[in-house]
Protein backbone atom coordinates (compact mmCIF):
# COMPACT_ATOMS: atom_id res chain seq x y z
CA MET A 1 42.26 -2.05 5.64
CA ASP A 2 40.44 -4.66 7.72
CA SER A 3 37.28 -3.60 9.50
CA ASP A 4 37.11 -3.58 13.26
CA PRO A 5 35.76 -6.96 14.55
CA PHE A 6 32.88 -5.14 16.23
CA VAL A 7 31.95 -3.45 12.95
CA GLN A 8 32.06 -6.81 11.16
CA TRP A 9 29.87 -8.41 13.83
CA PHE A 10 27.40 -5.54 13.80
CA ARG A 11 27.08 -5.74 10.02
CA GLN A 12 26.46 -9.47 10.24
CA ALA A 13 23.89 -8.92 12.99
CA GLY A 14 22.02 -6.26 10.99
CA PRO A 15 19.78 -8.60 8.98
CA TYR A 16 18.87 -10.52 12.16
CA ILE A 17 18.00 -7.33 14.04
CA ASN A 18 15.58 -6.49 11.25
CA ALA A 19 14.23 -10.04 10.97
CA HIS A 20 13.54 -10.41 14.71
CA ARG A 21 11.73 -7.09 15.15
CA GLY A 22 8.07 -7.70 15.97
CA ARG A 23 8.56 -11.46 16.34
CA THR A 24 7.34 -13.44 19.34
CA PHE A 25 9.96 -15.46 21.23
CA VAL A 26 9.24 -17.73 24.18
CA VAL A 27 12.31 -18.02 26.42
CA LEU A 28 12.59 -20.77 29.04
CA PHE A 29 15.13 -20.73 31.89
CA GLY A 30 15.30 -22.73 35.09
CA GLY A 31 15.34 -21.62 38.69
CA GLU A 32 19.07 -22.35 38.71
CA ALA A 33 19.58 -19.41 36.34
CA VAL A 34 18.07 -17.01 38.88
CA GLU A 35 20.49 -18.15 41.58
CA ALA A 36 23.55 -17.85 39.34
CA ASP A 37 25.91 -14.87 39.35
CA SER A 38 25.33 -14.55 35.61
CA PHE A 39 21.60 -13.86 36.01
CA SER A 40 22.18 -10.11 35.75
CA SER A 41 23.77 -10.65 32.33
CA LEU A 42 20.79 -12.73 31.22
CA ILE A 43 18.40 -9.98 32.37
CA HIS A 44 20.45 -7.40 30.45
CA ASP A 45 20.33 -9.56 27.31
CA LEU A 46 16.55 -9.94 27.61
CA ALA A 47 16.19 -6.18 28.03
CA LEU A 48 18.29 -5.69 24.91
CA LEU A 49 16.08 -8.07 22.92
CA HIS A 50 13.02 -6.17 24.10
CA SER A 51 14.58 -2.85 23.10
CA LEU A 52 15.17 -4.26 19.61
CA GLY A 53 11.46 -4.93 19.18
CA VAL A 54 11.32 -8.63 20.10
CA ARG A 55 8.08 -9.66 21.84
CA LEU A 56 9.14 -11.70 24.84
CA VAL A 57 7.28 -14.34 26.81
CA LEU A 58 9.50 -15.55 29.65
CA VAL A 59 8.89 -18.88 31.38
CA HIS A 60 10.85 -19.67 34.52
CA GLY A 61 11.35 -22.95 36.29
CA ALA A 62 11.51 -23.28 40.06
CA ARG A 63 12.73 -26.78 40.83
CA THR A 64 15.77 -25.58 42.80
CA GLN A 65 13.72 -23.16 44.90
CA ILE A 66 10.88 -25.66 45.53
CA GLU A 67 13.27 -28.35 46.70
CA ALA A 68 15.07 -25.90 48.96
CA ARG A 69 11.75 -24.83 50.50
CA LEU A 70 10.69 -28.45 50.98
CA ARG A 71 13.96 -29.26 52.73
CA GLU A 72 13.54 -26.25 55.03
CA ALA A 73 10.16 -27.65 56.05
CA GLY A 74 11.53 -31.17 56.51
CA ARG A 75 9.75 -32.54 53.44
CA ALA A 76 11.54 -34.88 51.01
CA PRO A 77 10.93 -34.28 47.29
CA ARG A 78 9.30 -37.25 45.57
CA TYR A 79 9.52 -38.00 41.85
CA VAL A 80 7.99 -40.80 39.79
CA ASP A 81 9.03 -41.13 36.13
CA GLY A 82 10.62 -37.70 36.31
CA LEU A 83 7.42 -36.01 37.54
CA ARG A 84 7.10 -34.43 40.96
CA VAL A 85 4.39 -35.78 43.24
CA THR A 86 2.82 -32.71 44.90
CA GLU A 87 0.96 -33.73 48.03
CA THR A 88 -1.44 -31.45 49.86
CA GLU A 89 1.21 -30.59 52.47
CA ASP A 90 3.65 -29.66 49.70
CA LEU A 91 1.40 -27.30 47.76
CA THR A 92 1.71 -24.38 50.17
CA LEU A 93 5.50 -24.70 50.06
CA VAL A 94 5.44 -24.85 46.25
CA LYS A 95 3.34 -21.67 46.08
CA GLN A 96 5.70 -19.91 48.46
CA ALA A 97 8.79 -20.88 46.46
CA VAL A 98 7.30 -19.99 43.08
CA GLY A 99 5.78 -16.74 44.31
CA ARG A 100 9.03 -15.53 45.86
CA LEU A 101 10.96 -16.45 42.75
CA ARG A 102 8.55 -14.65 40.43
CA ILE A 103 8.82 -11.51 42.55
CA ARG A 104 12.63 -11.68 42.40
CA ILE A 105 12.55 -11.96 38.60
CA GLU A 106 10.09 -9.08 38.29
CA ALA A 107 12.31 -6.96 40.56
CA ARG A 108 15.39 -7.67 38.43
CA LEU A 109 13.50 -6.80 35.26
CA SER A 110 12.44 -3.51 36.90
CA MET A 111 15.95 -2.32 37.69
CA GLY A 112 17.04 0.85 35.92
CA LEU A 113 20.14 2.09 37.72
CA ALA A 114 22.22 4.75 36.02
CA ASN A 115 25.50 3.54 34.50
CA SER A 116 24.07 0.04 34.08
CA PRO A 117 22.89 -1.83 30.97
CA MET A 118 19.31 -1.60 32.31
CA HIS A 119 19.36 2.19 32.60
CA GLY A 120 16.38 3.68 30.81
CA ALA A 121 14.97 0.29 29.83
CA ARG A 122 11.60 0.92 31.56
CA LEU A 123 10.41 -2.64 31.13
CA ARG A 124 6.81 -3.45 31.92
CA VAL A 125 6.36 -7.01 33.17
CA VAL A 126 2.99 -8.74 33.31
CA SER A 127 2.05 -12.03 34.96
CA GLY A 128 -1.18 -13.54 36.22
CA ASN A 129 -3.66 -16.37 35.88
CA LEU A 130 -2.84 -16.97 32.23
CA ILE A 131 -2.61 -20.77 32.46
CA THR A 132 -5.57 -23.09 32.94
CA ALA A 133 -4.48 -26.47 34.30
CA ARG A 134 -5.89 -29.83 35.26
CA PRO A 135 -4.54 -32.56 37.55
CA LEU A 136 -2.38 -35.36 36.21
CA GLY A 137 -4.50 -37.64 38.36
CA VAL A 138 -3.59 -41.25 39.00
CA ARG A 139 -1.19 -42.87 36.54
CA ASP A 140 0.04 -46.45 36.83
CA GLY A 141 -1.23 -46.48 40.38
CA VAL A 142 0.53 -43.25 41.38
CA ASP A 143 -1.55 -40.31 42.58
CA TYR A 144 0.35 -37.18 41.56
CA GLY A 145 -1.76 -34.99 43.82
CA PHE A 146 -1.48 -31.32 42.91
CA THR A 147 0.92 -31.89 40.05
CA GLY A 148 -0.91 -30.86 36.92
CA GLU A 149 -0.65 -30.36 33.20
CA VAL A 150 -1.47 -27.41 30.98
CA ARG A 151 -5.02 -27.38 29.72
CA ARG A 152 -5.08 -23.99 28.02
CA ILE A 153 -2.95 -20.87 27.60
CA ASP A 154 -4.77 -17.54 27.54
CA ASP A 155 -3.06 -16.55 24.31
CA ARG A 156 -5.51 -13.70 23.63
CA ALA A 157 -4.57 -11.92 26.86
CA ILE A 158 -0.85 -12.54 26.25
CA ARG A 159 -1.07 -11.09 22.74
CA LEU A 160 -2.82 -8.00 24.06
CA TRP A 161 -0.03 -7.41 26.58
CA LEU A 162 2.67 -8.02 23.98
CA GLU A 163 1.03 -5.52 21.65
CA GLN A 164 1.26 -2.98 24.49
CA ASP A 165 5.03 -3.50 24.64
CA ALA A 166 5.00 -5.55 27.84
CA ILE A 167 7.09 -8.61 28.70
CA VAL A 168 4.90 -11.52 29.83
CA LEU A 169 6.27 -13.69 32.64
CA LEU A 170 4.79 -17.17 33.12
CA SER A 171 5.40 -19.24 36.25
CA PRO A 172 5.03 -23.03 36.56
CA LEU A 173 1.66 -22.77 38.28
CA GLY A 174 -1.76 -23.26 36.72
CA TYR A 175 -5.30 -22.72 37.87
CA SER A 176 -8.40 -24.84 37.39
CA PRO A 177 -11.92 -23.47 36.75
CA THR A 178 -12.77 -24.65 40.28
CA GLY A 179 -10.04 -22.48 41.79
CA GLU A 180 -7.46 -25.15 42.50
CA ILE A 181 -3.75 -24.50 41.97
CA PHE A 182 -1.47 -27.04 40.28
CA ASN A 183 2.30 -27.41 40.12
CA LEU A 184 3.41 -27.59 36.46
CA ARG A 185 6.60 -28.41 34.59
CA ALA A 186 8.18 -25.25 33.23
CA GLU A 187 9.11 -27.07 30.00
CA GLU A 188 5.46 -27.92 29.37
CA VAL A 189 4.37 -24.34 30.10
CA ALA A 190 6.93 -22.96 27.63
CA THR A 191 5.99 -25.45 24.93
CA ALA A 192 2.26 -24.88 25.41
CA ALA A 193 2.77 -21.09 25.30
CA ALA A 194 4.86 -21.29 22.12
CA MET A 195 2.23 -23.51 20.50
CA ALA A 196 -0.74 -21.36 21.53
CA LEU A 197 0.95 -18.13 20.43
CA ARG A 198 2.39 -19.69 17.27
CA ALA A 199 5.67 -18.20 18.43
CA ASP A 200 8.41 -17.61 15.92
CA LYS A 201 10.96 -19.17 18.25
CA LEU A 202 11.15 -21.22 21.43
CA LEU A 203 14.51 -20.70 23.15
CA VAL A 204 15.44 -23.13 25.92
CA LEU A 205 18.30 -22.25 28.26
CA GLY A 206 19.31 -25.58 29.75
CA GLU A 207 21.60 -26.30 32.66
CA GLY A 208 23.65 -28.97 30.95
CA PRO A 209 26.34 -28.64 28.26
CA GLU A 210 25.51 -28.23 24.59
CA LEU A 211 23.97 -31.16 22.76
CA ARG A 212 26.55 -33.50 21.21
CA ASP A 213 26.40 -36.55 18.99
CA PRO A 214 27.85 -39.95 20.00
CA ALA A 215 31.21 -38.92 18.49
CA GLY A 216 31.36 -35.90 20.80
CA GLN A 217 30.74 -33.30 18.10
CA ALA A 218 28.45 -30.37 18.87
CA ILE A 219 25.10 -30.69 17.09
CA ARG A 220 24.25 -27.36 15.52
CA GLN A 221 21.15 -28.26 13.50
CA LEU A 222 18.47 -30.93 13.51
CA SER A 223 15.32 -31.46 11.52
CA LEU A 224 12.31 -32.81 13.41
CA GLY A 225 13.06 -36.24 11.95
CA ASP A 226 16.71 -36.05 13.02
CA ALA A 227 15.68 -35.05 16.54
CA ASN A 228 13.32 -38.00 16.76
CA ARG A 229 16.00 -40.40 15.52
CA LEU A 230 18.46 -39.01 18.07
CA LEU A 231 16.00 -39.76 20.87
CA VAL A 232 15.35 -43.29 19.61
CA GLU A 233 18.88 -44.31 18.68
CA HIS A 234 20.81 -42.68 21.52
CA PRO A 235 19.09 -43.43 24.83
CA THR A 236 22.22 -42.34 26.73
CA LEU A 237 21.32 -38.66 26.31
CA SER A 238 21.22 -36.76 29.59
CA GLU A 239 17.84 -36.37 31.28
CA ASP A 240 17.96 -32.64 30.60
CA SER A 241 18.69 -33.11 26.87
CA ASN A 242 16.12 -35.88 26.54
CA ARG A 243 13.39 -33.80 28.17
CA HIS A 244 14.15 -30.69 26.10
CA LEU A 245 14.34 -32.66 22.84
CA ARG A 246 10.93 -34.20 23.47
CA GLN A 247 9.40 -30.81 24.18
CA ALA A 248 11.08 -29.37 21.09
CA LEU A 249 9.59 -32.14 18.94
CA ARG A 250 6.15 -31.47 20.34
CA ALA A 251 6.46 -27.74 19.67
CA GLY A 252 7.85 -28.26 16.16
CA GLN A 253 5.11 -30.69 15.21
CA ALA A 254 2.53 -28.15 16.43
CA GLY A 255 3.86 -25.41 14.17
CA VAL A 256 6.68 -23.65 16.05
CA ARG A 257 9.19 -23.22 13.23
CA ARG A 258 12.40 -22.80 15.21
CA ILE A 259 13.38 -24.27 18.58
CA HIS A 260 16.81 -23.41 19.97
CA LEU A 261 18.43 -25.52 22.70
CA LEU A 262 21.13 -23.49 24.46
CA SER A 263 23.49 -23.98 27.36
CA ARG A 264 23.01 -21.33 30.02
CA GLN A 265 26.69 -21.72 30.88
CA VAL A 266 27.62 -19.89 27.66
CA ASP A 267 27.81 -16.17 28.42
CA GLY A 268 25.52 -14.27 26.04
CA ALA A 269 24.09 -17.47 24.57
CA LEU A 270 20.85 -15.76 23.55
CA LEU A 271 22.60 -12.97 21.67
CA LEU A 272 25.12 -15.28 20.02
CA GLU A 273 22.36 -17.63 18.91
CA LEU A 274 20.06 -14.94 17.58
CA PHE A 275 22.49 -12.50 15.96
CA THR A 276 25.19 -14.70 14.43
CA ARG A 277 24.68 -16.99 11.46
CA ASP A 278 25.86 -20.21 13.11
CA GLY A 279 24.89 -19.55 16.71
CA VAL A 280 26.11 -21.48 19.75
CA GLY A 281 23.29 -23.94 20.36
CA THR A 282 21.25 -26.60 18.60
CA LEU A 283 18.59 -25.40 16.20
CA ILE A 284 15.66 -27.74 15.61
CA ALA A 285 13.87 -26.48 12.54
CA SER A 286 10.52 -27.59 11.18
CA ASP A 287 11.36 -25.85 7.89
CA ILE A 288 14.53 -25.80 5.79
CA TYR A 289 17.28 -23.87 7.57
CA GLU A 290 20.05 -24.66 5.09
CA GLY A 291 19.58 -26.08 1.66
CA LEU A 292 19.97 -25.84 -2.10
CA ARG A 293 17.51 -24.02 -4.32
CA PRO A 294 17.40 -22.53 -7.82
CA ALA A 295 18.39 -18.88 -8.07
CA ALA A 296 15.81 -16.20 -8.84
CA ILE A 297 16.15 -12.69 -10.18
CA ASP A 298 15.90 -11.23 -6.66
CA ASP A 299 19.08 -13.16 -5.73
CA VAL A 300 21.35 -11.25 -8.10
CA GLY A 301 22.47 -8.79 -5.42
CA GLY A 302 23.31 -11.58 -2.98
CA ILE A 303 25.28 -13.49 -5.62
CA LEU A 304 27.26 -10.38 -6.54
CA GLU A 305 28.12 -9.80 -2.90
CA LEU A 306 29.28 -13.41 -2.54
CA ILE A 307 31.48 -13.55 -5.66
CA ARG A 308 32.89 -10.01 -5.61
CA PRO A 309 35.94 -10.86 -3.42
CA LEU A 310 36.74 -13.82 -5.67
CA GLU A 311 36.49 -11.62 -8.74
CA GLU A 312 38.76 -9.03 -7.17
CA ASP A 313 41.52 -11.55 -6.40
CA GLY A 314 41.24 -13.12 -9.86
CA THR A 315 39.74 -16.45 -8.81
CA LEU A 316 36.55 -15.84 -10.80
CA VAL A 317 35.88 -14.00 -14.03
CA ARG A 318 34.00 -10.76 -13.47
CA ARG A 319 30.30 -10.86 -14.16
CA SER A 320 28.14 -7.78 -14.56
CA ARG A 321 24.73 -7.48 -12.94
CA GLU A 322 23.18 -7.48 -16.41
CA ARG A 323 24.90 -10.73 -17.33
CA LEU A 324 23.85 -12.37 -14.07
CA GLU A 325 20.26 -11.30 -14.60
CA MET A 326 20.28 -12.84 -18.08
CA GLU A 327 21.85 -16.11 -16.87
CA ILE A 328 20.19 -16.43 -13.45
CA GLU A 329 18.39 -19.66 -14.37
CA ARG A 330 21.81 -21.34 -14.72
CA PHE A 331 22.59 -20.82 -11.03
CA VAL A 332 21.91 -22.90 -7.96
CA LEU A 333 22.30 -21.40 -4.50
CA LEU A 334 23.24 -22.76 -1.09
CA GLU A 335 21.24 -20.74 1.40
CA ARG A 336 21.59 -20.69 5.19
CA ASP A 337 18.97 -18.95 7.32
CA GLY A 338 18.06 -16.67 4.43
CA ALA A 339 21.65 -15.76 3.52
CA ILE A 340 23.37 -16.94 0.32
CA ILE A 341 26.54 -18.78 1.36
CA GLY A 342 27.35 -20.59 -1.87
CA CYS A 343 26.58 -20.73 -5.59
CA ALA A 344 27.45 -22.61 -8.76
CA ALA A 345 26.25 -22.54 -12.36
CA LEU A 346 25.77 -25.05 -15.16
CA TYR A 347 25.95 -23.91 -18.79
CA PRO A 348 24.82 -26.89 -20.92
CA LEU A 349 25.79 -27.47 -24.53
CA PRO A 350 23.41 -30.36 -25.22
CA GLU A 351 24.26 -30.66 -28.91
CA GLU A 352 27.80 -31.63 -27.90
CA GLY A 353 26.80 -33.58 -24.77
CA VAL A 354 28.88 -31.40 -22.45
CA GLY A 355 28.30 -28.71 -19.87
CA GLU A 356 30.41 -26.02 -18.24
CA LEU A 357 30.66 -25.84 -14.47
CA ALA A 358 31.17 -22.19 -13.57
CA CYS A 359 31.17 -19.66 -10.74
CA VAL A 360 31.65 -22.13 -7.88
CA ALA A 361 31.87 -19.94 -4.79
CA VAL A 362 31.42 -20.46 -1.05
CA HIS A 363 31.41 -17.79 1.65
CA PRO A 364 34.75 -17.70 3.54
CA SER A 365 33.05 -18.68 6.83
CA TYR A 366 31.88 -21.98 5.30
CA ARG A 367 34.84 -23.13 3.25
CA ASN A 368 36.47 -26.49 3.97
CA SER A 369 33.13 -27.74 5.32
CA GLY A 370 31.91 -29.79 2.36
CA ARG A 371 29.59 -27.08 0.99
CA ALA A 372 31.46 -26.83 -2.32
CA ASP A 373 31.17 -30.61 -2.68
CA THR A 374 27.42 -30.30 -2.13
CA LEU A 375 27.21 -27.75 -4.95
CA LEU A 376 29.33 -29.91 -7.24
CA ARG A 377 27.20 -33.01 -6.62
CA HIS A 378 24.07 -31.03 -7.41
CA ILE A 379 25.50 -29.66 -10.66
CA GLU A 380 26.60 -33.16 -11.69
CA HIS A 381 23.09 -34.43 -10.95
CA ARG A 382 21.56 -31.68 -13.09
CA ALA A 383 24.00 -32.45 -15.89
CA ARG A 384 23.04 -36.14 -15.87
CA GLU A 385 19.35 -35.22 -15.90
CA GLN A 386 20.06 -33.24 -19.10
CA ARG A 387 21.86 -36.29 -20.56
CA LEU A 388 25.26 -34.59 -20.61
CA GLN A 389 28.23 -36.95 -20.69
CA ARG A 390 30.97 -34.59 -19.55
CA LEU A 391 31.58 -31.49 -17.45
CA PHE A 392 34.41 -29.06 -18.06
CA VAL A 393 35.71 -26.24 -15.90
CA LEU A 394 38.18 -23.40 -16.38
CA THR A 395 40.15 -22.40 -13.29
CA THR A 396 43.23 -20.42 -12.29
CA ARG A 397 43.34 -21.14 -8.54
CA ALA A 398 41.52 -24.38 -7.77
CA ALA A 399 43.23 -26.94 -9.99
CA HIS A 400 44.02 -29.37 -7.15
CA TRP A 401 40.48 -29.18 -5.76
CA PHE A 402 39.01 -30.24 -9.09
CA ARG A 403 41.68 -32.91 -9.65
CA GLU A 404 40.78 -34.46 -6.29
CA ARG A 405 37.17 -34.70 -7.43
CA GLY A 406 37.75 -36.58 -10.66
CA PHE A 407 38.44 -33.81 -13.15
CA GLU A 408 41.30 -34.57 -15.56
CA PRO A 409 43.65 -31.98 -17.14
CA ALA A 410 42.84 -31.16 -20.73
CA GLU A 411 43.81 -28.74 -23.49
CA VAL A 412 41.93 -25.78 -24.86
CA THR A 413 41.48 -27.77 -28.05
CA ASN A 414 39.44 -30.30 -26.05
CA LEU A 415 36.83 -27.67 -25.32
CA PRO A 416 33.67 -27.30 -27.44
CA VAL A 417 34.35 -25.14 -30.47
CA GLN A 418 32.02 -22.44 -29.20
CA LYS A 419 34.00 -22.21 -25.94
CA GLN A 420 37.36 -22.27 -27.71
CA THR A 421 36.50 -19.06 -29.55
CA LEU A 422 35.71 -17.36 -26.23
CA TYR A 423 38.80 -18.59 -24.37
CA ASN A 424 40.72 -15.76 -22.67
CA TRP A 425 44.39 -16.32 -23.53
CA GLN A 426 45.49 -13.52 -21.20
CA ARG A 427 43.84 -15.17 -18.22
CA ARG A 428 45.30 -18.58 -19.24
CA SER A 429 42.84 -20.64 -17.20
CA LYS A 430 43.59 -24.33 -16.90
CA VAL A 431 41.12 -26.72 -18.45
CA PHE A 432 39.72 -29.77 -16.62
CA ILE A 433 37.15 -32.27 -17.86
CA LYS A 434 35.19 -34.94 -15.97
CA THR A 435 33.29 -37.83 -17.51
CA LEU A 436 29.93 -38.32 -15.83
């Protein structure tokens, strides 16, 4: 009997709920998000994250509200190289727009109506003069006035508030030691906060669509090097994507391990990104998010869970925990975000110059995606390193897959003598051999 989809999702989310508890996430969203009908859903999702033990630092933009306030006052917004020029006459309007917006966000986070997702949340929200700023000054002959840049984040005060179970809300305003106020870019505030706090994640809710490669395919994962190459080789990226990628690179290079670029247009983007294995955005990781590694004794349980369905339907020969523990050094694993999604094993017979490829398995969610080929290439590489000339495999269900990858049909008598004596004539596995 198939499990209910909700039960399946909740089971998949379980490890992430545990992993995120007590972690510090910096979440950036623009002023457009506050004006959208979906803002209530975003607030509910943030409250849910907080209830699950995530330490939240929220950074809001205010470009939409500032420009609206400037227009009301008959002032035209002025940008140079993507940066706002904040003249003396504009600063009062900027403070009004940002202050009103911050109050609106705090009010929404304070809601606790009965029969609503926020009921009983009792969120405590803290904001204040947590950002020290300095003026951009004059650049290439342009005086940016009261537009500034982040000089320092009061990370000690933020940590104290987070430890007291508060949500910290940062606005795009900074203060100088001389008492001046500067208009800041929300992206820079979020990046600086994530860097100062050594946040576990920086999550950016952008206004544009998801990041795609030149072929139109959604980009789900980038290393820091890949992100840099994307910026250099594809200058046609949207301004929003370009700006967020540059900030992500800066954060990653400063030690923020995971930066997630999400489209705010996706309902529940935060939850889908954080509690499903593949997410819905682009992950920029400064460490290895998916990769191959040798198996260790602690992986036995994960391997058993992966191969059990294939053993039950007869695709793989059953292996006991004891046998796996004894042979664990033969296995290589394909791991994604801490979960084992694939495995394969090499049993060498160096005296005969051959090796057995065994227990090739990939999680159902990642089949037909080239992962099995990755495992096969790695096993072939290991076999060559051990100076083996041939690989053989016994299979009942995957004959065509191995044929397509250069394995040729063979007879039991072509197997090493040691393997011939162990051949299971009831199972009647087909034999395939590949010359390396």
